mmCIF file of all heavy atoms, coordinates in Angstrom:
data_MODEL
# 
_entry.id   MODEL 
# 
loop_
_atom_site.group_PDB 
_atom_site.id 
_atom_site.type_symbol 
_atom_site.label_atom_id 
_atom_site.label_alt_id 
_atom_site.label_comp_id 
_atom_site.label_asym_id 
_atom_site.label_entity_id 
_atom_site.label_seq_id 
_atom_site.pdbx_PDB_ins_code 
_atom_site.Cartn_x 
_atom_site.Cartn_y 
_atom_site.Cartn_z 
_atom_site.occupancy 
_atom_site.B_iso_or_equiv 
_atom_site.pdbx_formal_charge 
_atom_site.auth_seq_id 
_atom_site.auth_comp_id 
_atom_site.auth_asym_id 
_atom_site.auth_atom_id 
_atom_site.pdbx_PDB_model_num 
ATOM 1   N N   . GLY A 1 1  ? -10.606 -10.371 -4.792 1.00 0.00 ? 1  GLY A N   1 
ATOM 2   C CA  . GLY A 1 1  ? -10.450 -8.986  -5.003 1.00 0.00 ? 1  GLY A CA  1 
ATOM 3   C C   . GLY A 1 1  ? -9.459  -8.380  -3.978 1.00 0.00 ? 1  GLY A C   1 
ATOM 4   O O   . GLY A 1 1  ? -9.738  -7.397  -3.346 1.00 0.00 ? 1  GLY A O   1 
ATOM 5   N N   . LYS A 1 2  ? -8.238  -9.053  -3.967 1.00 0.00 ? 2  LYS A N   1 
ATOM 6   C CA  . LYS A 1 2  ? -7.252  -8.615  -3.046 1.00 0.00 ? 2  LYS A CA  1 
ATOM 7   C C   . LYS A 1 2  ? -5.958  -8.233  -3.805 1.00 0.00 ? 2  LYS A C   1 
ATOM 8   O O   . LYS A 1 2  ? -5.579  -8.854  -4.710 1.00 0.00 ? 2  LYS A O   1 
ATOM 9   C CB  . LYS A 1 2  ? -6.909  -9.695  -2.073 1.00 0.00 ? 2  LYS A CB  1 
ATOM 10  C CG  . LYS A 1 2  ? -5.878  -9.395  -0.961 1.00 0.00 ? 2  LYS A CG  1 
ATOM 11  C CD  . LYS A 1 2  ? -5.617  -10.566 -0.064 1.00 0.00 ? 2  LYS A CD  1 
ATOM 12  C CE  . LYS A 1 2  ? -4.689  -10.236 1.039  1.00 0.00 ? 2  LYS A CE  1 
ATOM 13  N NZ  . LYS A 1 2  ? -4.403  -11.374 1.935  1.00 0.00 ? 2  LYS A NZ  1 
ATOM 14  N N   . LEU A 1 3  ? -5.276  -7.192  -3.287 1.00 0.00 ? 3  LEU A N   1 
ATOM 15  C CA  . LEU A 1 3  ? -4.046  -6.709  -3.940 1.00 0.00 ? 3  LEU A CA  1 
ATOM 16  C C   . LEU A 1 3  ? -3.161  -6.271  -2.787 1.00 0.00 ? 3  LEU A C   1 
ATOM 17  O O   . LEU A 1 3  ? -3.463  -5.566  -1.900 1.00 0.00 ? 3  LEU A O   1 
ATOM 18  C CB  . LEU A 1 3  ? -4.288  -5.423  -4.759 1.00 0.00 ? 3  LEU A CB  1 
ATOM 19  C CG  . LEU A 1 3  ? -3.095  -4.736  -5.276 1.00 0.00 ? 3  LEU A CG  1 
ATOM 20  C CD1 . LEU A 1 3  ? -2.170  -5.562  -6.221 1.00 0.00 ? 3  LEU A CD1 1 
ATOM 21  C CD2 . LEU A 1 3  ? -3.518  -3.443  -5.977 1.00 0.00 ? 3  LEU A CD2 1 
ATOM 22  N N   . THR A 1 4  ? -1.826  -6.773  -2.800 1.00 0.00 ? 4  THR A N   1 
ATOM 23  C CA  . THR A 1 4  ? -0.856  -6.356  -1.835 1.00 0.00 ? 4  THR A CA  1 
ATOM 24  C C   . THR A 1 4  ? 0.434   -6.028  -2.489 1.00 0.00 ? 4  THR A C   1 
ATOM 25  O O   . THR A 1 4  ? 0.809   -6.523  -3.498 1.00 0.00 ? 4  THR A O   1 
ATOM 26  C CB  . THR A 1 4  ? -0.593  -7.600  -0.816 1.00 0.00 ? 4  THR A CB  1 
ATOM 27  O OG1 . THR A 1 4  ? 0.020   -8.664  -1.537 1.00 0.00 ? 4  THR A OG1 1 
ATOM 28  C CG2 . THR A 1 4  ? -1.822  -7.976  -0.127 1.00 0.00 ? 4  THR A CG2 1 
ATOM 29  N N   . TYR A 1 5  ? 1.160   -4.974  -1.875 1.00 0.00 ? 5  TYR A N   1 
ATOM 30  C CA  . TYR A 1 5  ? 2.469   -4.676  -2.209 1.00 0.00 ? 5  TYR A CA  1 
ATOM 31  C C   . TYR A 1 5  ? 3.376   -5.154  -1.086 1.00 0.00 ? 5  TYR A C   1 
ATOM 32  O O   . TYR A 1 5  ? 3.183   -4.739  0.059  1.00 0.00 ? 5  TYR A O   1 
ATOM 33  C CB  . TYR A 1 5  ? 2.695   -3.128  -2.372 1.00 0.00 ? 5  TYR A CB  1 
ATOM 34  C CG  . TYR A 1 5  ? 1.915   -2.424  -3.415 1.00 0.00 ? 5  TYR A CG  1 
ATOM 35  C CD1 . TYR A 1 5  ? 1.571   -1.061  -3.339 1.00 0.00 ? 5  TYR A CD1 1 
ATOM 36  C CD2 . TYR A 1 5  ? 1.381   -3.057  -4.611 1.00 0.00 ? 5  TYR A CD2 1 
ATOM 37  C CE1 . TYR A 1 5  ? 0.900   -0.417  -4.293 1.00 0.00 ? 5  TYR A CE1 1 
ATOM 38  C CE2 . TYR A 1 5  ? 0.692   -2.418  -5.521 1.00 0.00 ? 5  TYR A CE2 1 
ATOM 39  C CZ  . TYR A 1 5  ? 0.488   -1.081  -5.425 1.00 0.00 ? 5  TYR A CZ  1 
ATOM 40  O OH  . TYR A 1 5  ? -0.265  -0.428  -6.351 1.00 0.00 ? 5  TYR A OH  1 
ATOM 41  N N   . ARG A 1 6  ? 4.332   -5.946  -1.399 1.00 0.00 ? 6  ARG A N   1 
ATOM 42  C CA  . ARG A 1 6  ? 5.335   -6.488  -0.375 1.00 0.00 ? 6  ARG A CA  1 
ATOM 43  C C   . ARG A 1 6  ? 4.599   -7.037  0.811  1.00 0.00 ? 6  ARG A C   1 
ATOM 44  O O   . ARG A 1 6  ? 5.079   -6.970  1.914  1.00 0.00 ? 6  ARG A O   1 
ATOM 45  C CB  . ARG A 1 6  ? 6.277   -5.383  -0.027 1.00 0.00 ? 6  ARG A CB  1 
ATOM 46  C CG  . ARG A 1 6  ? 7.144   -4.825  -1.048 1.00 0.00 ? 6  ARG A CG  1 
ATOM 47  C CD  . ARG A 1 6  ? 8.207   -5.771  -1.576 1.00 0.00 ? 6  ARG A CD  1 
ATOM 48  N NE  . ARG A 1 6  ? 9.148   -5.155  -2.454 1.00 0.00 ? 6  ARG A NE  1 
ATOM 49  C CZ  . ARG A 1 6  ? 10.002  -5.859  -3.210 1.00 0.00 ? 6  ARG A CZ  1 
ATOM 50  N NH1 . ARG A 1 6  ? 10.088  -7.112  -3.184 1.00 0.00 ? 6  ARG A NH1 1 
ATOM 51  N NH2 . ARG A 1 6  ? 10.929  -5.137  -3.937 1.00 0.00 ? 6  ARG A NH2 1 
ATOM 52  N N   . GLY A 1 7  ? 3.371   -7.582  0.603  1.00 0.00 ? 7  GLY A N   1 
ATOM 53  C CA  . GLY A 1 7  ? 2.609   -8.207  1.688  1.00 0.00 ? 7  GLY A CA  1 
ATOM 54  C C   . GLY A 1 7  ? 1.731   -7.246  2.415  1.00 0.00 ? 7  GLY A C   1 
ATOM 55  O O   . GLY A 1 7  ? 0.897   -7.763  3.205  1.00 0.00 ? 7  GLY A O   1 
ATOM 56  N N   . TYR A 1 8  ? 1.690   -5.994  2.119  1.00 0.00 ? 8  TYR A N   1 
ATOM 57  C CA  . TYR A 1 8  ? 0.797   -5.002  2.771  1.00 0.00 ? 8  TYR A CA  1 
ATOM 58  C C   . TYR A 1 8  ? -0.435  -4.799  1.932  1.00 0.00 ? 8  TYR A C   1 
ATOM 59  O O   . TYR A 1 8  ? -0.358  -4.610  0.672  1.00 0.00 ? 8  TYR A O   1 
ATOM 60  C CB  . TYR A 1 8  ? 1.511   -3.594  2.887  1.00 0.00 ? 8  TYR A CB  1 
ATOM 61  C CG  . TYR A 1 8  ? 2.650   -3.603  3.930  1.00 0.00 ? 8  TYR A CG  1 
ATOM 62  C CD1 . TYR A 1 8  ? 3.966   -3.798  3.466  1.00 0.00 ? 8  TYR A CD1 1 
ATOM 63  C CD2 . TYR A 1 8  ? 2.372   -3.405  5.263  1.00 0.00 ? 8  TYR A CD2 1 
ATOM 64  C CE1 . TYR A 1 8  ? 5.042   -3.723  4.398  1.00 0.00 ? 8  TYR A CE1 1 
ATOM 65  C CE2 . TYR A 1 8  ? 3.430   -3.364  6.212  1.00 0.00 ? 8  TYR A CE2 1 
ATOM 66  C CZ  . TYR A 1 8  ? 4.756   -3.517  5.689  1.00 0.00 ? 8  TYR A CZ  1 
ATOM 67  O OH  . TYR A 1 8  ? 5.797   -3.451  6.639  1.00 0.00 ? 8  TYR A OH  1 
ATOM 68  N N   . ASP A 1 9  ? -1.626  -4.868  2.562  1.00 0.00 ? 9  ASP A N   1 
ATOM 69  C CA  . ASP A 1 9  ? -2.873  -4.702  1.844  1.00 0.00 ? 9  ASP A CA  1 
ATOM 70  C C   . ASP A 1 9  ? -2.984  -3.273  1.226  1.00 0.00 ? 9  ASP A C   1 
ATOM 71  O O   . ASP A 1 9  ? -2.717  -2.335  1.848  1.00 0.00 ? 9  ASP A O   1 
ATOM 72  C CB  . ASP A 1 9  ? -4.057  -4.996  2.701  1.00 0.00 ? 9  ASP A CB  1 
ATOM 73  C CG  . ASP A 1 9  ? -5.329  -5.063  1.998  1.00 0.00 ? 9  ASP A CG  1 
ATOM 74  O OD1 . ASP A 1 9  ? -5.987  -4.058  1.740  1.00 0.00 ? 9  ASP A OD1 1 
ATOM 75  O OD2 . ASP A 1 9  ? -5.753  -6.187  1.515  1.00 0.00 ? 9  ASP A OD2 1 
ATOM 76  N N   . ILE A 1 10 ? -3.489  -3.208  -0.052 1.00 0.00 ? 10 ILE A N   1 
ATOM 77  C CA  . ILE A 1 10 ? -3.521  -1.925  -0.691 1.00 0.00 ? 10 ILE A CA  1 
ATOM 78  C C   . ILE A 1 10 ? -4.452  -0.971  0.006  1.00 0.00 ? 10 ILE A C   1 
ATOM 79  O O   . ILE A 1 10 ? -4.211  0.227   -0.034 1.00 0.00 ? 10 ILE A O   1 
ATOM 80  C CB  . ILE A 1 10 ? -4.046  -2.136  -2.165 1.00 0.00 ? 10 ILE A CB  1 
ATOM 81  C CG1 . ILE A 1 10 ? -3.844  -0.874  -2.978 1.00 0.00 ? 10 ILE A CG1 1 
ATOM 82  C CG2 . ILE A 1 10 ? -5.410  -2.708  -2.256 1.00 0.00 ? 10 ILE A CG2 1 
ATOM 83  C CD1 . ILE A 1 10 ? -2.450  -0.390  -3.077 1.00 0.00 ? 10 ILE A CD1 1 
ATOM 84  N N   . SER A 1 11 ? -5.485  -1.436  0.639  1.00 0.00 ? 11 SER A N   1 
ATOM 85  C CA  . SER A 1 11 ? -6.407  -0.500  1.283  1.00 0.00 ? 11 SER A CA  1 
ATOM 86  C C   . SER A 1 11 ? -5.711  0.215   2.454  1.00 0.00 ? 11 SER A C   1 
ATOM 87  O O   . SER A 1 11 ? -6.049  1.353   2.732  1.00 0.00 ? 11 SER A O   1 
ATOM 88  C CB  . SER A 1 11 ? -7.686  -1.229  1.788  1.00 0.00 ? 11 SER A CB  1 
ATOM 89  O OG  . SER A 1 11 ? -7.321  -2.282  2.704  1.00 0.00 ? 11 SER A OG  1 
ATOM 90  N N   . GLU A 1 12 ? -4.805  -0.554  3.164  1.00 0.00 ? 12 GLU A N   1 
ATOM 91  C CA  . GLU A 1 12 ? -4.096  0.030   4.255  1.00 0.00 ? 12 GLU A CA  1 
ATOM 92  C C   . GLU A 1 12 ? -3.132  1.073   3.810  1.00 0.00 ? 12 GLU A C   1 
ATOM 93  O O   . GLU A 1 12 ? -2.920  2.165   4.246  1.00 0.00 ? 12 GLU A O   1 
ATOM 94  C CB  . GLU A 1 12 ? -3.347  -1.073  5.027  1.00 0.00 ? 12 GLU A CB  1 
ATOM 95  C CG  . GLU A 1 12 ? -4.256  -1.988  5.807  1.00 0.00 ? 12 GLU A CG  1 
ATOM 96  C CD  . GLU A 1 12 ? -4.675  -1.316  7.181  1.00 0.00 ? 12 GLU A CD  1 
ATOM 97  O OE1 . GLU A 1 12 ? -3.736  -1.009  7.995  1.00 0.00 ? 12 GLU A OE1 1 
ATOM 98  O OE2 . GLU A 1 12 ? -5.860  -1.167  7.405  1.00 0.00 ? 12 GLU A OE2 1 
ATOM 99  N N   . LEU A 1 13 ? -2.449  0.712   2.649  1.00 0.00 ? 13 LEU A N   1 
ATOM 100 C CA  . LEU A 1 13 ? -1.363  1.564   2.109  1.00 0.00 ? 13 LEU A CA  1 
ATOM 101 C C   . LEU A 1 13 ? -1.993  2.836   1.509  1.00 0.00 ? 13 LEU A C   1 
ATOM 102 O O   . LEU A 1 13 ? -1.417  3.934   1.772  1.00 0.00 ? 13 LEU A O   1 
ATOM 103 C CB  . LEU A 1 13 ? -0.584  0.836   1.006  1.00 0.00 ? 13 LEU A CB  1 
ATOM 104 C CG  . LEU A 1 13 ? 0.314   -0.334  1.495  1.00 0.00 ? 13 LEU A CG  1 
ATOM 105 C CD1 . LEU A 1 13 ? 0.814   -1.016  0.303  1.00 0.00 ? 13 LEU A CD1 1 
ATOM 106 C CD2 . LEU A 1 13 ? 1.428   0.143   2.419  1.00 0.00 ? 13 LEU A CD2 1 
ATOM 107 N N   . ALA A 1 14 ? -3.085  2.694   0.770  1.00 0.00 ? 14 ALA A N   1 
ATOM 108 C CA  . ALA A 1 14 ? -3.655  3.834   0.113  1.00 0.00 ? 14 ALA A CA  1 
ATOM 109 C C   . ALA A 1 14 ? -4.298  4.803   1.030  1.00 0.00 ? 14 ALA A C   1 
ATOM 110 O O   . ALA A 1 14 ? -4.451  6.008   0.729  1.00 0.00 ? 14 ALA A O   1 
ATOM 111 C CB  . ALA A 1 14 ? -4.662  3.324   -0.926 1.00 0.00 ? 14 ALA A CB  1 
ATOM 112 N N   . THR A 1 15 ? -4.716  4.331   2.226  1.00 0.00 ? 15 THR A N   1 
ATOM 113 C CA  . THR A 1 15 ? -5.445  5.298   3.151  1.00 0.00 ? 15 THR A CA  1 
ATOM 114 C C   . THR A 1 15 ? -4.461  5.762   4.228  1.00 0.00 ? 15 THR A C   1 
ATOM 115 O O   . THR A 1 15 ? -4.850  6.773   4.866  1.00 0.00 ? 15 THR A O   1 
ATOM 116 C CB  . THR A 1 15 ? -6.606  4.578   3.851  1.00 0.00 ? 15 THR A CB  1 
ATOM 117 O OG1 . THR A 1 15 ? -6.230  3.361   4.418  1.00 0.00 ? 15 THR A OG1 1 
ATOM 118 C CG2 . THR A 1 15 ? -7.714  4.295   2.706  1.00 0.00 ? 15 THR A CG2 1 
ATOM 119 N N   . LYS A 1 16 ? -3.320  5.154   4.475  1.00 0.00 ? 16 LYS A N   1 
ATOM 120 C CA  . LYS A 1 16 ? -2.468  5.508   5.498  1.00 0.00 ? 16 LYS A CA  1 
ATOM 121 C C   . LYS A 1 16 ? -1.114  5.975   5.172  1.00 0.00 ? 16 LYS A C   1 
ATOM 122 O O   . LYS A 1 16 ? -0.353  6.501   5.999  1.00 0.00 ? 16 LYS A O   1 
ATOM 123 C CB  . LYS A 1 16 ? -2.452  4.329   6.524  1.00 0.00 ? 16 LYS A CB  1 
ATOM 124 C CG  . LYS A 1 16 ? -3.699  3.903   7.180  1.00 0.00 ? 16 LYS A CG  1 
ATOM 125 C CD  . LYS A 1 16 ? -3.516  2.733   8.124  1.00 0.00 ? 16 LYS A CD  1 
ATOM 126 C CE  . LYS A 1 16 ? -4.848  2.320   8.815  1.00 0.00 ? 16 LYS A CE  1 
ATOM 127 N NZ  . LYS A 1 16 ? -4.707  1.207   9.683  1.00 0.00 ? 16 LYS A NZ  1 
ATOM 128 N N   . LYS A 1 17 ? -0.697  5.704   3.902  1.00 0.00 ? 17 LYS A N   1 
ATOM 129 C CA  . LYS A 1 17 ? 0.624   6.053   3.413  1.00 0.00 ? 17 LYS A CA  1 
ATOM 130 C C   . LYS A 1 17 ? 0.586   6.827   2.204  1.00 0.00 ? 17 LYS A C   1 
ATOM 131 O O   . LYS A 1 17 ? -0.361  6.888   1.420  1.00 0.00 ? 17 LYS A O   1 
ATOM 132 C CB  . LYS A 1 17 ? 1.460   4.809   3.208  1.00 0.00 ? 17 LYS A CB  1 
ATOM 133 C CG  . LYS A 1 17 ? 1.692   3.987   4.431  1.00 0.00 ? 17 LYS A CG  1 
ATOM 134 C CD  . LYS A 1 17 ? 2.510   4.661   5.464  1.00 0.00 ? 17 LYS A CD  1 
ATOM 135 C CE  . LYS A 1 17 ? 2.747   3.856   6.753  1.00 0.00 ? 17 LYS A CE  1 
ATOM 136 N NZ  . LYS A 1 17 ? 3.586   4.514   7.768  1.00 0.00 ? 17 LYS A NZ  1 
ATOM 137 N N   . SER A 1 18 ? 1.644   7.547   1.880  1.00 0.00 ? 18 SER A N   1 
ATOM 138 C CA  . SER A 1 18 ? 1.739   8.364   0.694  1.00 0.00 ? 18 SER A CA  1 
ATOM 139 C C   . SER A 1 18 ? 2.383   7.598   -0.454 1.00 0.00 ? 18 SER A C   1 
ATOM 140 O O   . SER A 1 18 ? 2.919   6.525   -0.243 1.00 0.00 ? 18 SER A O   1 
ATOM 141 C CB  . SER A 1 18 ? 2.642   9.591   0.911  1.00 0.00 ? 18 SER A CB  1 
ATOM 142 O OG  . SER A 1 18 ? 4.046   9.229   1.101  1.00 0.00 ? 18 SER A OG  1 
ATOM 143 N N   . TYR A 1 19 ? 2.334   8.171   -1.651 1.00 0.00 ? 19 TYR A N   1 
ATOM 144 C CA  . TYR A 1 19 ? 2.900   7.502   -2.792 1.00 0.00 ? 19 TYR A CA  1 
ATOM 145 C C   . TYR A 1 19 ? 4.434   7.310   -2.611 1.00 0.00 ? 19 TYR A C   1 
ATOM 146 O O   . TYR A 1 19 ? 5.017   6.256   -2.992 1.00 0.00 ? 19 TYR A O   1 
ATOM 147 C CB  . TYR A 1 19 ? 2.705   8.241   -4.027 1.00 0.00 ? 19 TYR A CB  1 
ATOM 148 C CG  . TYR A 1 19 ? 3.370   7.642   -5.251 1.00 0.00 ? 19 TYR A CG  1 
ATOM 149 C CD1 . TYR A 1 19 ? 3.006   6.391   -5.775 1.00 0.00 ? 19 TYR A CD1 1 
ATOM 150 C CD2 . TYR A 1 19 ? 4.337   8.405   -5.945 1.00 0.00 ? 19 TYR A CD2 1 
ATOM 151 C CE1 . TYR A 1 19 ? 3.540   5.888   -6.898 1.00 0.00 ? 19 TYR A CE1 1 
ATOM 152 C CE2 . TYR A 1 19 ? 4.990   7.819   -7.054 1.00 0.00 ? 19 TYR A CE2 1 
ATOM 153 C CZ  . TYR A 1 19 ? 4.578   6.616   -7.545 1.00 0.00 ? 19 TYR A CZ  1 
ATOM 154 O OH  . TYR A 1 19 ? 5.171   6.024   -8.662 1.00 0.00 ? 19 TYR A OH  1 
ATOM 155 N N   . LEU A 1 20 ? 5.122   8.292   -2.011 1.00 0.00 ? 20 LEU A N   1 
ATOM 156 C CA  . LEU A 1 20 ? 6.557   8.111   -1.711 1.00 0.00 ? 20 LEU A CA  1 
ATOM 157 C C   . LEU A 1 20 ? 6.881   7.006   -0.781 1.00 0.00 ? 20 LEU A C   1 
ATOM 158 O O   . LEU A 1 20 ? 7.804   6.288   -0.903 1.00 0.00 ? 20 LEU A O   1 
ATOM 159 C CB  . LEU A 1 20 ? 7.208   9.390   -1.200 1.00 0.00 ? 20 LEU A CB  1 
ATOM 160 C CG  . LEU A 1 20 ? 7.372   10.558  -2.236 1.00 0.00 ? 20 LEU A CG  1 
ATOM 161 C CD1 . LEU A 1 20 ? 8.275   11.667  -1.625 1.00 0.00 ? 20 LEU A CD1 1 
ATOM 162 C CD2 . LEU A 1 20 ? 7.998   10.064  -3.523 1.00 0.00 ? 20 LEU A CD2 1 
ATOM 163 N N   . ASP A 1 21 ? 5.955   6.762   0.254  1.00 0.00 ? 21 ASP A N   1 
ATOM 164 C CA  . ASP A 1 21 ? 6.110   5.591   1.088  1.00 0.00 ? 21 ASP A CA  1 
ATOM 165 C C   . ASP A 1 21 ? 6.105   4.324   0.207  1.00 0.00 ? 21 ASP A C   1 
ATOM 166 O O   . ASP A 1 21 ? 6.867   3.414   0.445  1.00 0.00 ? 21 ASP A O   1 
ATOM 167 C CB  . ASP A 1 21 ? 4.975   5.545   2.077  1.00 0.00 ? 21 ASP A CB  1 
ATOM 168 C CG  . ASP A 1 21 ? 5.114   6.550   3.172  1.00 0.00 ? 21 ASP A CG  1 
ATOM 169 O OD1 . ASP A 1 21 ? 6.187   6.764   3.696  1.00 0.00 ? 21 ASP A OD1 1 
ATOM 170 O OD2 . ASP A 1 21 ? 4.044   7.188   3.547  1.00 0.00 ? 21 ASP A OD2 1 
ATOM 171 N N   . ILE A 1 22 ? 5.132   4.266   -0.667 1.00 0.00 ? 22 ILE A N   1 
ATOM 172 C CA  . ILE A 1 22 ? 4.994   3.069   -1.566 1.00 0.00 ? 22 ILE A CA  1 
ATOM 173 C C   . ILE A 1 22 ? 6.187   2.918   -2.424 1.00 0.00 ? 22 ILE A C   1 
ATOM 174 O O   . ILE A 1 22 ? 6.656   1.783   -2.663 1.00 0.00 ? 22 ILE A O   1 
ATOM 175 C CB  . ILE A 1 22 ? 3.664   3.160   -2.378 1.00 0.00 ? 22 ILE A CB  1 
ATOM 176 C CG1 . ILE A 1 22 ? 2.493   2.695   -1.556 1.00 0.00 ? 22 ILE A CG1 1 
ATOM 177 C CG2 . ILE A 1 22 ? 3.772   2.330   -3.617 1.00 0.00 ? 22 ILE A CG2 1 
ATOM 178 C CD1 . ILE A 1 22 ? 2.218   3.319   -0.275 1.00 0.00 ? 22 ILE A CD1 1 
ATOM 179 N N   . CYS A 1 23 ? 6.765   3.976   -3.033 1.00 0.00 ? 23 CYS A N   1 
ATOM 180 C CA  . CYS A 1 23 ? 7.931   3.919   -3.798 1.00 0.00 ? 23 CYS A CA  1 
ATOM 181 C C   . CYS A 1 23 ? 9.103   3.289   -2.998 1.00 0.00 ? 23 CYS A C   1 
ATOM 182 O O   . CYS A 1 23 ? 9.839   2.392   -3.525 1.00 0.00 ? 23 CYS A O   1 
ATOM 183 C CB  . CYS A 1 23 ? 8.328   5.282   -4.335 1.00 0.00 ? 23 CYS A CB  1 
ATOM 184 S SG  . CYS A 1 23 ? 7.294   5.959   -5.613 1.00 0.00 ? 23 CYS A SG  1 
ATOM 185 N N   . TYR A 1 24 ? 9.298   3.855   -1.774 1.00 0.00 ? 24 TYR A N   1 
ATOM 186 C CA  . TYR A 1 24 ? 10.368  3.324   -0.939 1.00 0.00 ? 24 TYR A CA  1 
ATOM 187 C C   . TYR A 1 24 ? 10.143  1.845   -0.628 1.00 0.00 ? 24 TYR A C   1 
ATOM 188 O O   . TYR A 1 24 ? 11.106  1.025   -0.653 1.00 0.00 ? 24 TYR A O   1 
ATOM 189 C CB  . TYR A 1 24 ? 10.409  4.138   0.314  1.00 0.00 ? 24 TYR A CB  1 
ATOM 190 C CG  . TYR A 1 24 ? 11.635  3.927   1.164  1.00 0.00 ? 24 TYR A CG  1 
ATOM 191 C CD1 . TYR A 1 24 ? 12.833  4.724   1.076  1.00 0.00 ? 24 TYR A CD1 1 
ATOM 192 C CD2 . TYR A 1 24 ? 11.739  2.822   2.092  1.00 0.00 ? 24 TYR A CD2 1 
ATOM 193 C CE1 . TYR A 1 24 ? 13.959  4.508   1.801  1.00 0.00 ? 24 TYR A CE1 1 
ATOM 194 C CE2 . TYR A 1 24 ? 12.861  2.603   2.859  1.00 0.00 ? 24 TYR A CE2 1 
ATOM 195 C CZ  . TYR A 1 24 ? 13.910  3.355   2.694  1.00 0.00 ? 24 TYR A CZ  1 
ATOM 196 O OH  . TYR A 1 24 ? 15.052  3.139   3.458  1.00 0.00 ? 24 TYR A OH  1 
# 
């Protein structure tokens, strides 16, 4: 049950970064 974008865990990204951060 793991998902990463460019090696970053989705739970970290979704709670600490914005959608524009993810786009970049």
